[in-house]
Amino acid sequence: MRLTHLGHACLLAEFGDTTMLIDPGTYAGDFDRLTGLDAIVITHQHPDHADPERLPGLVERNPDAVLLAEPQAARLLAEATDGAVRPQPLETGDTVPVDGVTLEAVGDLHAVIHPSLDRIDNRGIVLRAENEPVVFHPGDAYDADPGPVDVLAVPLNAPWAKVSETADFVNRIEPRFAVPIHDGLLGETGRALYLRLVRTFGPETMELRDLKGAGPVEF
C-alpha cells in the first residue's frame, strides 16, 4: 500500500492497482490533474475537504470512479455544482467494496468548533484490503471507533483541535504508523512543533512518518 499526501487533508491511497482519493479540498495541491481513480471520498462538507470548484473537473477526468460523500456534503455539493457532482451518500456503518478494497464509514459528527455552532456530520474512512495495512482517515473528528488500525492519518491543527485531544486520539487508536494531515494552516515553525508534540505524547510503539513533499510512500 502506498500513500501520498497531496496537502492539508487530502490523501491518495494506492492498494495495488486500486487508487482512492480522500478529501480533495481547497487547501490541497494539484489533485484535479489525477486520472485513473477508482474512488473519490469526502468526509464532510467543509471546503478544505471538498472543493466545489475543482471537483467537477476531477469527476469528469475520472468517469469510472465511485464518488462517495457524507450525506450532508453529498447534497450540498450537488447543489453547488448544479448537478455536475452527485456523490453517493455515505452513512455511518456503510461498507463499500471498490476493486478489492473495502471502505467503511465510521463516526457521526464533526468535532466541536464552538458551542454556539451547530455540529455538522462527519464520516471517518477506514480502508481495508487483503494482506495490506489498514488505513484510517478520521476527517474532522477524534471520537470514531475504526477498530484495529495500522496507519492513522492524524489531523495536526484545526480550529476544533487541541494538542491534548490529538494525543488522546493517537493513544486510543494506537496505530503502528501515524501520518500527519490537516496542516494547511501551519507555517514551517508551527508544523515542526506539532510534529514534535505528536511524537512526544503518542504511543512509544508508533512511528510518525511525515509524507509532506515525499511523493508516494510505501507501507
N, C-alpha and C. Protein backbone atom coordinates (compact mmCIF):
# COMPACT_ATOMS: atom_id res chain seq x y z
N MET A 1 0.84 -1.19 0.00
CA MET A 1 0.00 0.00 0.00
C MET A 1 0.88 1.24 0.00
N ARG A 2 0.47 2.25 -0.78
CA ARG A 2 1.22 3.50 -0.84
C ARG A 2 0.29 4.66 -0.53
N LEU A 3 0.84 5.65 0.19
CA LEU A 3 0.11 6.86 0.50
C LEU A 3 0.86 8.07 -0.03
N THR A 4 0.12 9.02 -0.57
CA THR A 4 0.67 10.30 -0.98
C THR A 4 -0.15 11.40 -0.33
N HIS A 5 0.54 12.31 0.37
CA HIS A 5 -0.14 13.46 0.96
C HIS A 5 -0.14 14.58 -0.07
N LEU A 6 -1.32 14.97 -0.51
CA LEU A 6 -1.46 15.99 -1.54
C LEU A 6 -1.74 17.37 -0.95
N GLY A 7 -1.55 17.50 0.34
CA GLY A 7 -1.74 18.78 1.00
C GLY A 7 -2.96 18.79 1.90
N HIS A 8 -2.82 19.39 3.06
CA HIS A 8 -3.87 19.53 4.06
C HIS A 8 -4.50 18.16 4.36
N ALA A 9 -5.80 17.98 4.12
CA ALA A 9 -6.47 16.73 4.50
C ALA A 9 -6.52 15.71 3.38
N CYS A 10 -5.92 16.01 2.23
CA CYS A 10 -6.07 15.19 1.04
C CYS A 10 -5.02 14.08 0.99
N LEU A 11 -5.49 12.84 0.92
CA LEU A 11 -4.63 11.67 0.82
C LEU A 11 -4.99 10.84 -0.40
N LEU A 12 -3.97 10.37 -1.10
CA LEU A 12 -4.13 9.41 -2.19
C LEU A 12 -3.64 8.06 -1.68
N ALA A 13 -4.52 7.06 -1.67
CA ALA A 13 -4.18 5.73 -1.18
C ALA A 13 -4.20 4.74 -2.35
N GLU A 14 -3.11 4.00 -2.51
CA GLU A 14 -2.99 3.04 -3.60
C GLU A 14 -2.81 1.64 -3.02
N PHE A 15 -3.75 0.77 -3.32
CA PHE A 15 -3.69 -0.63 -2.92
C PHE A 15 -3.53 -1.45 -4.20
N GLY A 16 -2.30 -1.77 -4.57
CA GLY A 16 -2.09 -2.42 -5.85
C GLY A 16 -2.54 -1.51 -6.97
N ASP A 17 -3.49 -1.99 -7.78
CA ASP A 17 -3.99 -1.20 -8.90
C ASP A 17 -5.20 -0.36 -8.54
N THR A 18 -5.62 -0.40 -7.29
CA THR A 18 -6.80 0.35 -6.86
C THR A 18 -6.36 1.65 -6.19
N THR A 19 -6.88 2.77 -6.68
CA THR A 19 -6.45 4.08 -6.22
C THR A 19 -7.64 4.87 -5.70
N MET A 20 -7.50 5.41 -4.48
CA MET A 20 -8.60 6.10 -3.83
C MET A 20 -8.12 7.45 -3.32
N LEU A 21 -8.91 8.49 -3.58
CA LEU A 21 -8.59 9.84 -3.15
C LEU A 21 -9.57 10.29 -2.07
N ILE A 22 -9.02 10.77 -0.95
CA ILE A 22 -9.85 11.21 0.17
C ILE A 22 -9.67 12.71 0.38
N ASP A 23 -10.78 13.41 0.48
CA ASP A 23 -10.86 14.82 0.86
C ASP A 23 -10.05 15.77 -0.02
N PRO A 24 -10.42 15.86 -1.30
CA PRO A 24 -9.80 16.84 -2.20
C PRO A 24 -10.38 18.23 -1.95
N GLY A 25 -9.76 18.98 -1.08
CA GLY A 25 -10.29 20.27 -0.65
C GLY A 25 -9.52 21.46 -1.18
N THR A 26 -9.92 22.65 -0.74
CA THR A 26 -9.38 23.90 -1.27
C THR A 26 -7.91 24.11 -0.92
N TYR A 27 -7.42 23.54 0.16
CA TYR A 27 -6.03 23.74 0.56
C TYR A 27 -5.10 22.68 -0.03
N ALA A 28 -5.64 21.71 -0.73
CA ALA A 28 -4.83 20.63 -1.30
C ALA A 28 -4.16 21.10 -2.59
N GLY A 29 -3.18 20.31 -3.03
CA GLY A 29 -2.42 20.63 -4.23
C GLY A 29 -3.15 20.24 -5.50
N ASP A 30 -2.40 19.74 -6.48
CA ASP A 30 -2.94 19.52 -7.83
C ASP A 30 -3.67 18.18 -7.96
N PHE A 31 -4.63 17.94 -7.07
CA PHE A 31 -5.38 16.68 -7.18
C PHE A 31 -6.24 16.66 -8.45
N ASP A 32 -6.62 17.83 -8.95
CA ASP A 32 -7.53 17.88 -10.10
C ASP A 32 -6.89 17.38 -11.38
N ARG A 33 -5.58 17.12 -11.36
CA ARG A 33 -4.92 16.57 -12.53
C ARG A 33 -4.90 15.04 -12.53
N LEU A 34 -5.35 14.43 -11.44
CA LEU A 34 -5.30 12.98 -11.32
C LEU A 34 -6.27 12.31 -12.28
N THR A 35 -5.86 11.16 -12.79
CA THR A 35 -6.73 10.32 -13.62
C THR A 35 -6.59 8.88 -13.13
N GLY A 36 -7.49 8.03 -13.57
CA GLY A 36 -7.43 6.62 -13.23
C GLY A 36 -7.86 6.30 -11.81
N LEU A 37 -8.56 7.21 -11.16
CA LEU A 37 -9.02 6.95 -9.80
C LEU A 37 -10.16 5.94 -9.81
N ASP A 38 -10.18 5.10 -8.77
CA ASP A 38 -11.28 4.15 -8.60
C ASP A 38 -12.34 4.66 -7.63
N ALA A 39 -11.96 5.57 -6.73
CA ALA A 39 -12.92 6.14 -5.79
C ALA A 39 -12.46 7.53 -5.36
N ILE A 40 -13.42 8.40 -5.16
CA ILE A 40 -13.21 9.73 -4.58
C ILE A 40 -14.13 9.81 -3.37
N VAL A 41 -13.56 10.13 -2.21
CA VAL A 41 -14.31 10.05 -0.96
C VAL A 41 -14.20 11.37 -0.20
N ILE A 42 -15.33 11.84 0.32
CA ILE A 42 -15.39 13.12 1.02
C ILE A 42 -15.97 12.90 2.41
N THR A 43 -15.22 13.29 3.43
CA THR A 43 -15.63 13.02 4.81
C THR A 43 -16.70 13.97 5.32
N HIS A 44 -16.70 15.23 4.84
CA HIS A 44 -17.71 16.19 5.28
C HIS A 44 -17.70 17.42 4.38
N GLN A 45 -18.59 18.35 4.66
CA GLN A 45 -18.92 19.43 3.72
C GLN A 45 -17.95 20.60 3.69
N HIS A 46 -17.06 20.76 4.64
CA HIS A 46 -16.22 21.95 4.67
C HIS A 46 -15.33 22.02 3.43
N PRO A 47 -15.18 23.22 2.85
CA PRO A 47 -14.44 23.35 1.59
C PRO A 47 -12.99 22.87 1.65
N ASP A 48 -12.36 22.91 2.83
CA ASP A 48 -10.98 22.42 2.90
C ASP A 48 -10.91 20.90 2.78
N HIS A 49 -12.08 20.26 2.71
CA HIS A 49 -12.15 18.82 2.47
C HIS A 49 -12.87 18.47 1.16
N ALA A 50 -13.58 19.44 0.60
CA ALA A 50 -14.31 19.21 -0.64
C ALA A 50 -14.39 20.53 -1.40
N ASP A 51 -13.59 20.66 -2.43
CA ASP A 51 -13.51 21.90 -3.20
C ASP A 51 -14.57 21.88 -4.31
N PRO A 52 -15.65 22.67 -4.16
CA PRO A 52 -16.72 22.61 -5.16
C PRO A 52 -16.31 23.16 -6.53
N GLU A 53 -15.26 23.95 -6.58
CA GLU A 53 -14.83 24.50 -7.87
C GLU A 53 -14.01 23.50 -8.68
N ARG A 54 -13.17 22.72 -8.01
CA ARG A 54 -12.30 21.79 -8.74
C ARG A 54 -12.87 20.38 -8.85
N LEU A 55 -13.84 20.04 -8.01
CA LEU A 55 -14.38 18.68 -8.04
C LEU A 55 -15.04 18.31 -9.37
N PRO A 56 -15.81 19.20 -10.00
CA PRO A 56 -16.41 18.80 -11.28
C PRO A 56 -15.38 18.35 -12.32
N GLY A 57 -14.26 19.06 -12.41
CA GLY A 57 -13.23 18.67 -13.36
C GLY A 57 -12.60 17.33 -13.00
N LEU A 58 -12.40 17.11 -11.69
CA LEU A 58 -11.84 15.84 -11.24
C LEU A 58 -12.77 14.69 -11.57
N VAL A 59 -14.05 14.88 -11.33
CA VAL A 59 -15.03 13.84 -11.64
C VAL A 59 -15.09 13.58 -13.15
N GLU A 60 -15.02 14.63 -13.93
CA GLU A 60 -15.06 14.48 -15.39
C GLU A 60 -13.85 13.69 -15.90
N ARG A 61 -12.68 13.91 -15.29
CA ARG A 61 -11.48 13.20 -15.72
C ARG A 61 -11.41 11.78 -15.18
N ASN A 62 -12.29 11.44 -14.26
CA ASN A 62 -12.31 10.10 -13.67
C ASN A 62 -13.73 9.53 -13.73
N PRO A 63 -14.25 9.30 -14.92
CA PRO A 63 -15.66 8.91 -15.07
C PRO A 63 -16.00 7.57 -14.46
N ASP A 64 -15.01 6.71 -14.24
CA ASP A 64 -15.28 5.38 -13.68
C ASP A 64 -15.14 5.33 -12.16
N ALA A 65 -14.75 6.45 -11.56
CA ALA A 65 -14.54 6.47 -10.11
C ALA A 65 -15.88 6.49 -9.36
N VAL A 66 -15.94 5.70 -8.29
CA VAL A 66 -17.08 5.78 -7.38
C VAL A 66 -16.92 7.06 -6.56
N LEU A 67 -17.97 7.87 -6.50
CA LEU A 67 -17.93 9.13 -5.77
C LEU A 67 -18.80 9.00 -4.53
N LEU A 68 -18.16 9.11 -3.36
CA LEU A 68 -18.84 8.89 -2.09
C LEU A 68 -18.66 10.10 -1.19
N ALA A 69 -19.70 10.47 -0.44
CA ALA A 69 -19.59 11.60 0.47
C ALA A 69 -20.57 11.44 1.63
N GLU A 70 -20.17 11.98 2.76
CA GLU A 70 -21.09 12.11 3.88
C GLU A 70 -22.38 12.77 3.35
N PRO A 71 -23.56 12.33 3.80
CA PRO A 71 -24.81 12.74 3.15
C PRO A 71 -25.05 14.24 3.06
N GLN A 72 -24.77 15.01 4.11
CA GLN A 72 -24.95 16.45 4.02
C GLN A 72 -24.04 17.03 2.92
N ALA A 73 -22.80 16.56 2.89
CA ALA A 73 -21.87 17.03 1.87
C ALA A 73 -22.33 16.63 0.48
N ALA A 74 -22.88 15.43 0.34
CA ALA A 74 -23.36 14.96 -0.96
C ALA A 74 -24.44 15.90 -1.49
N ARG A 75 -25.38 16.27 -0.64
CA ARG A 75 -26.46 17.15 -1.06
C ARG A 75 -25.94 18.54 -1.42
N LEU A 76 -25.08 19.10 -0.57
CA LEU A 76 -24.58 20.45 -0.80
C LEU A 76 -23.70 20.54 -2.04
N LEU A 77 -22.90 19.51 -2.28
CA LEU A 77 -22.05 19.52 -3.47
C LEU A 77 -22.87 19.41 -4.74
N ALA A 78 -23.93 18.62 -4.72
CA ALA A 78 -24.81 18.54 -5.90
C ALA A 78 -25.43 19.90 -6.18
N GLU A 79 -25.83 20.59 -5.12
CA GLU A 79 -26.43 21.92 -5.30
C GLU A 79 -25.40 22.94 -5.79
N ALA A 80 -24.20 22.91 -5.19
CA ALA A 80 -23.17 23.92 -5.51
C ALA A 80 -22.63 23.75 -6.93
N THR A 81 -22.70 22.54 -7.46
CA THR A 81 -22.13 22.27 -8.79
C THR A 81 -23.20 22.09 -9.86
N ASP A 82 -24.46 22.45 -9.52
CA ASP A 82 -25.57 22.30 -10.47
C ASP A 82 -25.67 20.88 -11.01
N GLY A 83 -25.39 19.93 -10.13
CA GLY A 83 -25.53 18.53 -10.50
C GLY A 83 -24.34 17.91 -11.18
N ALA A 84 -23.28 18.69 -11.39
CA ALA A 84 -22.09 18.12 -12.03
C ALA A 84 -21.41 17.11 -11.12
N VAL A 85 -21.57 17.28 -9.81
CA VAL A 85 -21.04 16.35 -8.83
C VAL A 85 -22.22 15.79 -8.04
N ARG A 86 -22.44 14.49 -8.13
CA ARG A 86 -23.56 13.83 -7.43
C ARG A 86 -23.03 12.63 -6.65
N PRO A 87 -22.47 12.88 -5.47
CA PRO A 87 -21.91 11.76 -4.70
C PRO A 87 -22.98 10.81 -4.18
N GLN A 88 -22.59 9.57 -4.02
CA GLN A 88 -23.41 8.58 -3.32
C GLN A 88 -23.30 8.85 -1.83
N PRO A 89 -24.43 9.03 -1.11
CA PRO A 89 -24.37 9.30 0.33
C PRO A 89 -23.72 8.15 1.09
N LEU A 90 -22.87 8.49 2.02
CA LEU A 90 -22.13 7.51 2.81
C LEU A 90 -22.59 7.59 4.26
N GLU A 91 -23.40 6.64 4.66
CA GLU A 91 -23.94 6.61 6.01
C GLU A 91 -22.98 5.89 6.96
N THR A 92 -23.08 6.22 8.24
CA THR A 92 -22.27 5.53 9.24
C THR A 92 -22.54 4.03 9.20
N GLY A 93 -21.48 3.25 9.15
CA GLY A 93 -21.62 1.79 9.10
C GLY A 93 -21.65 1.22 7.70
N ASP A 94 -21.80 2.08 6.68
CA ASP A 94 -21.77 1.57 5.31
C ASP A 94 -20.41 0.98 4.98
N THR A 95 -20.42 -0.13 4.26
CA THR A 95 -19.20 -0.69 3.70
C THR A 95 -19.36 -0.77 2.19
N VAL A 96 -18.36 -0.27 1.48
CA VAL A 96 -18.42 -0.20 0.02
C VAL A 96 -17.20 -0.90 -0.56
N PRO A 97 -17.41 -1.98 -1.32
CA PRO A 97 -16.26 -2.63 -1.97
C PRO A 97 -15.85 -1.87 -3.23
N VAL A 98 -14.54 -1.65 -3.36
CA VAL A 98 -14.01 -0.96 -4.54
C VAL A 98 -12.78 -1.72 -5.03
N ASP A 99 -12.97 -2.61 -5.97
CA ASP A 99 -11.87 -3.32 -6.63
C ASP A 99 -10.87 -3.91 -5.64
N GLY A 100 -11.37 -4.71 -4.71
CA GLY A 100 -10.51 -5.40 -3.76
C GLY A 100 -10.25 -4.65 -2.47
N VAL A 101 -10.71 -3.42 -2.39
CA VAL A 101 -10.59 -2.62 -1.16
C VAL A 101 -11.98 -2.42 -0.58
N THR A 102 -12.10 -2.61 0.72
CA THR A 102 -13.36 -2.34 1.40
C THR A 102 -13.26 -1.03 2.15
N LEU A 103 -14.18 -0.13 1.85
CA LEU A 103 -14.26 1.17 2.51
C LEU A 103 -15.38 1.13 3.53
N GLU A 104 -15.09 1.52 4.76
CA GLU A 104 -16.10 1.58 5.81
C GLU A 104 -16.20 3.00 6.35
N ALA A 105 -17.43 3.48 6.54
CA ALA A 105 -17.67 4.79 7.13
C ALA A 105 -17.94 4.65 8.62
N VAL A 106 -17.20 5.41 9.43
CA VAL A 106 -17.36 5.34 10.89
C VAL A 106 -17.51 6.75 11.46
N GLY A 107 -18.17 6.83 12.61
CA GLY A 107 -18.35 8.12 13.26
C GLY A 107 -19.56 8.86 12.74
N ASP A 108 -19.95 9.91 13.47
CA ASP A 108 -21.18 10.63 13.14
C ASP A 108 -21.00 12.13 12.95
N LEU A 109 -20.34 12.79 13.90
CA LEU A 109 -20.34 14.24 13.94
C LEU A 109 -18.95 14.84 13.85
N HIS A 110 -18.89 16.02 13.25
CA HIS A 110 -17.68 16.84 13.25
C HIS A 110 -17.36 17.24 14.68
N ALA A 111 -16.09 17.39 14.99
CA ALA A 111 -15.68 17.85 16.32
C ALA A 111 -16.25 19.24 16.60
N VAL A 112 -16.35 19.57 17.88
CA VAL A 112 -16.90 20.87 18.28
C VAL A 112 -15.90 21.98 17.95
N ILE A 113 -16.36 22.96 17.19
CA ILE A 113 -15.56 24.15 16.92
C ILE A 113 -15.82 25.20 18.00
N HIS A 114 -17.10 25.42 18.29
CA HIS A 114 -17.52 26.34 19.35
C HIS A 114 -18.95 25.96 19.74
N PRO A 115 -19.27 26.05 21.03
CA PRO A 115 -20.62 25.64 21.47
C PRO A 115 -21.75 26.40 20.77
N SER A 116 -21.48 27.58 20.25
CA SER A 116 -22.53 28.36 19.60
C SER A 116 -22.85 27.86 18.19
N LEU A 117 -22.01 26.97 17.65
CA LEU A 117 -22.20 26.46 16.30
C LEU A 117 -22.81 25.07 16.32
N ASP A 118 -23.82 24.85 15.47
CA ASP A 118 -24.36 23.51 15.31
C ASP A 118 -23.29 22.60 14.71
N ARG A 119 -23.25 21.37 15.19
CA ARG A 119 -22.28 20.42 14.66
C ARG A 119 -22.82 19.80 13.37
N ILE A 120 -21.97 19.77 12.36
CA ILE A 120 -22.33 19.10 11.11
C ILE A 120 -21.92 17.64 11.21
N ASP A 121 -22.30 16.87 10.20
CA ASP A 121 -21.95 15.45 10.18
C ASP A 121 -20.55 15.24 9.62
N ASN A 122 -19.96 14.11 9.97
CA ASN A 122 -18.60 13.75 9.54
C ASN A 122 -18.52 12.23 9.48
N ARG A 123 -17.85 11.72 8.48
CA ARG A 123 -17.63 10.28 8.37
C ARG A 123 -16.13 10.00 8.28
N GLY A 124 -15.60 9.29 9.26
CA GLY A 124 -14.25 8.78 9.13
C GLY A 124 -14.23 7.64 8.13
N ILE A 125 -13.09 7.44 7.48
CA ILE A 125 -12.98 6.45 6.40
C ILE A 125 -11.92 5.42 6.76
N VAL A 126 -12.33 4.15 6.80
CA VAL A 126 -11.41 3.03 7.04
C VAL A 126 -11.26 2.25 5.74
N LEU A 127 -10.01 2.02 5.34
CA LEU A 127 -9.72 1.28 4.12
C LEU A 127 -9.02 -0.02 4.47
N ARG A 128 -9.59 -1.12 3.97
CA ARG A 128 -9.04 -2.45 4.24
C ARG A 128 -8.90 -3.23 2.95
N ALA A 129 -7.77 -3.92 2.80
CA ALA A 129 -7.54 -4.81 1.67
C ALA A 129 -6.72 -6.00 2.17
N GLU A 130 -6.91 -7.15 1.55
CA GLU A 130 -6.23 -8.37 1.99
C GLU A 130 -4.71 -8.20 1.92
N ASN A 131 -4.06 -8.57 3.03
CA ASN A 131 -2.59 -8.53 3.14
C ASN A 131 -2.02 -7.12 3.00
N GLU A 132 -2.82 -6.11 3.33
CA GLU A 132 -2.36 -4.72 3.27
C GLU A 132 -2.64 -4.05 4.62
N PRO A 133 -1.88 -3.00 4.97
CA PRO A 133 -2.16 -2.26 6.20
C PRO A 133 -3.55 -1.61 6.15
N VAL A 134 -4.19 -1.55 7.32
CA VAL A 134 -5.48 -0.87 7.45
C VAL A 134 -5.22 0.62 7.65
N VAL A 135 -5.93 1.45 6.89
CA VAL A 135 -5.74 2.90 6.91
C VAL A 135 -7.00 3.57 7.45
N PHE A 136 -6.82 4.56 8.31
CA PHE A 136 -7.95 5.32 8.86
C PHE A 136 -7.73 6.81 8.67
N HIS A 137 -8.65 7.44 7.94
CA HIS A 137 -8.69 8.90 7.79
C HIS A 137 -9.91 9.38 8.57
N PRO A 138 -9.73 10.16 9.64
CA PRO A 138 -10.87 10.48 10.51
C PRO A 138 -11.71 11.66 10.07
N GLY A 139 -11.31 12.35 8.96
CA GLY A 139 -11.99 13.61 8.68
C GLY A 139 -11.70 14.60 9.79
N ASP A 140 -12.73 15.28 10.26
CA ASP A 140 -12.56 16.28 11.32
C ASP A 140 -13.21 15.82 12.61
N ALA A 141 -12.73 14.73 13.16
CA ALA A 141 -13.24 14.24 14.44
C ALA A 141 -12.24 13.25 15.02
N TYR A 142 -12.24 13.16 16.33
CA TYR A 142 -11.35 12.23 17.03
C TYR A 142 -12.10 11.10 17.74
N ASP A 143 -13.42 11.03 17.62
CA ASP A 143 -14.19 10.14 18.50
C ASP A 143 -14.68 8.85 17.86
N ALA A 144 -14.44 8.62 16.57
CA ALA A 144 -14.94 7.40 15.93
C ALA A 144 -14.13 6.18 16.36
N ASP A 145 -14.73 5.02 16.23
CA ASP A 145 -14.07 3.75 16.55
C ASP A 145 -13.84 2.97 15.26
N PRO A 146 -12.62 3.01 14.72
CA PRO A 146 -12.35 2.33 13.45
C PRO A 146 -11.94 0.88 13.60
N GLY A 147 -11.77 0.39 14.85
CA GLY A 147 -11.19 -0.92 15.05
C GLY A 147 -9.68 -0.86 14.93
N PRO A 148 -9.02 -2.01 14.87
CA PRO A 148 -7.55 -2.02 14.76
C PRO A 148 -7.08 -1.32 13.49
N VAL A 149 -6.08 -0.46 13.65
CA VAL A 149 -5.59 0.38 12.54
C VAL A 149 -4.07 0.28 12.48
N ASP A 150 -3.54 0.14 11.27
CA ASP A 150 -2.09 0.16 11.07
C ASP A 150 -1.57 1.56 10.78
N VAL A 151 -2.29 2.30 9.94
CA VAL A 151 -1.85 3.63 9.53
C VAL A 151 -2.96 4.63 9.86
N LEU A 152 -2.65 5.58 10.70
CA LEU A 152 -3.61 6.60 11.12
C LEU A 152 -3.23 7.95 10.54
N ALA A 153 -4.15 8.58 9.83
CA ALA A 153 -3.96 9.96 9.38
C ALA A 153 -4.34 10.88 10.54
N VAL A 154 -3.39 11.66 11.03
CA VAL A 154 -3.58 12.46 12.24
C VAL A 154 -3.72 13.94 11.89
N PRO A 155 -4.89 14.54 12.12
CA PRO A 155 -5.01 15.99 11.94
C PRO A 155 -4.10 16.72 12.93
N LEU A 156 -3.19 17.55 12.40
CA LEU A 156 -2.23 18.23 13.27
C LEU A 156 -2.79 19.49 13.90
N ASN A 157 -3.60 20.22 13.14
CA ASN A 157 -4.01 21.55 13.59
C ASN A 157 -5.35 21.91 12.97
N ALA A 158 -6.23 22.49 13.78
CA ALA A 158 -7.54 22.91 13.28
C ALA A 158 -8.20 23.80 14.32
N PRO A 159 -9.19 24.61 13.93
CA PRO A 159 -9.92 25.40 14.91
C PRO A 159 -10.62 24.54 15.97
N TRP A 160 -10.86 23.27 15.65
CA TRP A 160 -11.58 22.39 16.57
C TRP A 160 -10.64 21.52 17.42
N ALA A 161 -9.34 21.56 17.16
CA ALA A 161 -8.42 20.60 17.78
C ALA A 161 -7.50 21.27 18.79
N LYS A 162 -7.11 20.52 19.81
CA LYS A 162 -6.04 20.95 20.70
C LYS A 162 -5.12 19.77 20.95
N VAL A 163 -3.91 20.05 21.36
CA VAL A 163 -2.86 19.03 21.42
C VAL A 163 -3.24 17.89 22.35
N SER A 164 -3.84 18.20 23.48
CA SER A 164 -4.18 17.12 24.42
C SER A 164 -5.17 16.14 23.79
N GLU A 165 -6.10 16.66 22.98
CA GLU A 165 -7.05 15.78 22.32
C GLU A 165 -6.38 14.97 21.22
N THR A 166 -5.45 15.59 20.50
CA THR A 166 -4.70 14.85 19.49
C THR A 166 -3.92 13.71 20.13
N ALA A 167 -3.27 13.99 21.25
CA ALA A 167 -2.51 12.96 21.95
C ALA A 167 -3.42 11.83 22.43
N ASP A 168 -4.57 12.18 23.00
CA ASP A 168 -5.52 11.15 23.44
C ASP A 168 -5.98 10.30 22.26
N PHE A 169 -6.19 10.94 21.13
CA PHE A 169 -6.65 10.25 19.93
C PHE A 169 -5.63 9.21 19.46
N VAL A 170 -4.38 9.62 19.28
CA VAL A 170 -3.39 8.66 18.77
C VAL A 170 -3.12 7.55 19.78
N ASN A 171 -3.21 7.87 21.06
CA ASN A 171 -3.00 6.83 22.08
C ASN A 171 -4.18 5.86 22.14
N ARG A 172 -5.38 6.35 21.88
CA ARG A 172 -6.55 5.46 21.86
C ARG A 172 -6.51 4.53 20.66
N ILE A 173 -6.19 5.07 19.49
CA ILE A 173 -6.15 4.26 18.27
C ILE A 173 -4.92 3.36 18.27
N GLU A 174 -3.80 3.87 18.76
CA GLU A 174 -2.53 3.13 18.89
C GLU A 174 -2.12 2.46 17.57
N PRO A 175 -1.92 3.26 16.51
CA PRO A 175 -1.54 2.68 15.23
C PRO A 175 -0.06 2.33 15.20
N ARG A 176 0.32 1.54 14.21
CA ARG A 176 1.74 1.27 14.00
C ARG A 176 2.42 2.50 13.40
N PHE A 177 1.69 3.17 12.49
CA PHE A 177 2.22 4.37 11.84
C PHE A 177 1.20 5.50 11.96
N ALA A 178 1.71 6.72 12.11
CA ALA A 178 0.87 7.91 12.03
C ALA A 178 1.41 8.80 10.92
N VAL A 179 0.50 9.33 10.10
CA VAL A 179 0.89 10.26 9.05
C VAL A 179 0.16 11.58 9.29
N PRO A 180 0.87 12.70 9.37
CA PRO A 180 0.24 13.98 9.64
C PRO A 180 -0.55 14.51 8.45
N ILE A 181 -1.76 14.99 8.74
CA ILE A 181 -2.58 15.68 7.75
C ILE A 181 -3.16 16.93 8.41
N HIS A 182 -4.05 17.61 7.70
CA HIS A 182 -4.76 18.79 8.20
C HIS A 182 -3.76 19.81 8.77
N ASP A 183 -2.82 20.18 7.91
CA ASP A 183 -1.72 21.06 8.32
C ASP A 183 -1.66 22.32 7.47
N GLY A 184 -2.73 22.61 6.72
CA GLY A 184 -2.70 23.71 5.77
C GLY A 184 -2.62 25.09 6.40
N LEU A 185 -2.92 25.20 7.69
CA LEU A 185 -2.87 26.50 8.36
C LEU A 185 -1.54 26.73 9.07
N LEU A 186 -0.62 25.77 8.98
CA LEU A 186 0.62 25.85 9.73
C LEU A 186 1.79 26.31 8.87
N GLY A 187 2.61 27.21 9.43
CA GLY A 187 3.89 27.54 8.84
C GLY A 187 4.93 26.51 9.23
N GLU A 188 6.12 26.67 8.73
CA GLU A 188 7.18 25.69 8.95
C GLU A 188 7.49 25.51 10.44
N THR A 189 7.58 26.62 11.18
CA THR A 189 7.91 26.53 12.61
C THR A 189 6.81 25.84 13.39
N GLY A 190 5.57 26.26 13.16
CA GLY A 190 4.46 25.66 13.88
C GLY A 190 4.27 24.20 13.54
N ARG A 191 4.46 23.85 12.28
CA ARG A 191 4.30 22.45 11.87
C ARG A 191 5.34 21.57 12.56
N ALA A 192 6.57 22.04 12.63
CA ALA A 192 7.62 21.27 13.30
C ALA A 192 7.28 21.05 14.78
N LEU A 193 6.70 22.06 15.41
CA LEU A 193 6.31 21.93 16.81
C LEU A 193 5.22 20.88 16.97
N TYR A 194 4.18 20.93 16.13
CA TYR A 194 3.10 19.95 16.24
C TYR A 194 3.61 18.53 16.00
N LEU A 195 4.49 18.36 15.04
CA LEU A 195 5.07 17.03 14.79
C LEU A 195 5.81 16.53 16.02
N ARG A 196 6.58 17.42 16.64
CA ARG A 196 7.33 17.02 17.83
C ARG A 196 6.39 16.64 18.98
N LEU A 197 5.28 17.35 19.12
CA LEU A 197 4.34 17.05 20.19
C LEU A 197 3.64 15.71 19.96
N VAL A 198 3.29 15.42 18.72
CA VAL A 198 2.67 14.12 18.43
C VAL A 198 3.64 12.99 18.73
N ARG A 199 4.91 13.17 18.35
CA ARG A 199 5.92 12.15 18.66
C ARG A 199 6.09 11.99 20.17
N THR A 200 6.11 13.10 20.89
CA THR A 200 6.37 13.08 22.33
C THR A 200 5.24 12.42 23.11
N PHE A 201 4.00 12.77 22.76
CA PHE A 201 2.86 12.31 23.55
C PHE A 201 2.17 11.09 22.97
N GLY A 202 2.56 10.66 21.77
CA GLY A 202 1.95 9.47 21.18
C GLY A 202 2.52 8.19 21.77
N PRO A 203 1.97 7.04 21.37
CA PRO A 203 2.46 5.76 21.88
C PRO A 203 3.93 5.53 21.52
N GLU A 204 4.67 4.90 22.41
CA GLU A 204 6.08 4.62 22.15
C GLU A 204 6.27 3.70 20.95
N THR A 205 5.26 2.86 20.69
CA THR A 205 5.36 1.90 19.59
C THR A 205 4.98 2.50 18.24
N MET A 206 4.53 3.75 18.23
CA MET A 206 4.06 4.38 17.00
C MET A 206 5.19 5.10 16.28
N GLU A 207 5.27 4.88 14.97
CA GLU A 207 6.23 5.61 14.13
C GLU A 207 5.51 6.73 13.39
N LEU A 208 5.99 7.96 13.53
CA LEU A 208 5.43 9.09 12.82
C LEU A 208 6.16 9.24 11.49
N ARG A 209 5.43 9.13 10.40
CA ARG A 209 6.00 9.29 9.07
C ARG A 209 5.42 10.54 8.43
N ASP A 210 6.27 11.51 8.21
CA ASP A 210 5.84 12.76 7.60
C ASP A 210 5.90 12.61 6.08
N LEU A 211 4.75 12.70 5.43
CA LEU A 211 4.68 12.48 3.98
C LEU A 211 4.82 13.76 3.18
N LYS A 212 4.92 14.90 3.83
CA LYS A 212 4.96 16.17 3.11
C LYS A 212 6.13 16.22 2.14
N GLY A 213 5.82 16.42 0.86
CA GLY A 213 6.84 16.52 -0.17
C GLY A 213 7.56 15.23 -0.50
N ALA A 214 7.09 14.11 0.06
CA ALA A 214 7.81 12.84 -0.11
C ALA A 214 7.32 12.04 -1.31
N GLY A 215 6.21 12.45 -1.94
CA GLY A 215 5.66 11.64 -3.00
C GLY A 215 5.03 10.38 -2.43
N PRO A 216 4.81 9.36 -3.25
CA PRO A 216 4.22 8.12 -2.74
C PRO A 216 5.16 7.42 -1.76
N VAL A 217 4.63 7.01 -0.62
CA VAL A 217 5.41 6.32 0.41
C VAL A 217 4.79 4.94 0.66
N GLU A 218 5.63 3.92 0.64
CA GLU A 218 5.20 2.55 0.81
C GLU A 218 5.03 2.21 2.28
N PHE A 219 3.94 1.47 2.59
CA PHE A 219 3.69 0.97 3.95
C PHE A 219 3.49 -0.55 3.88
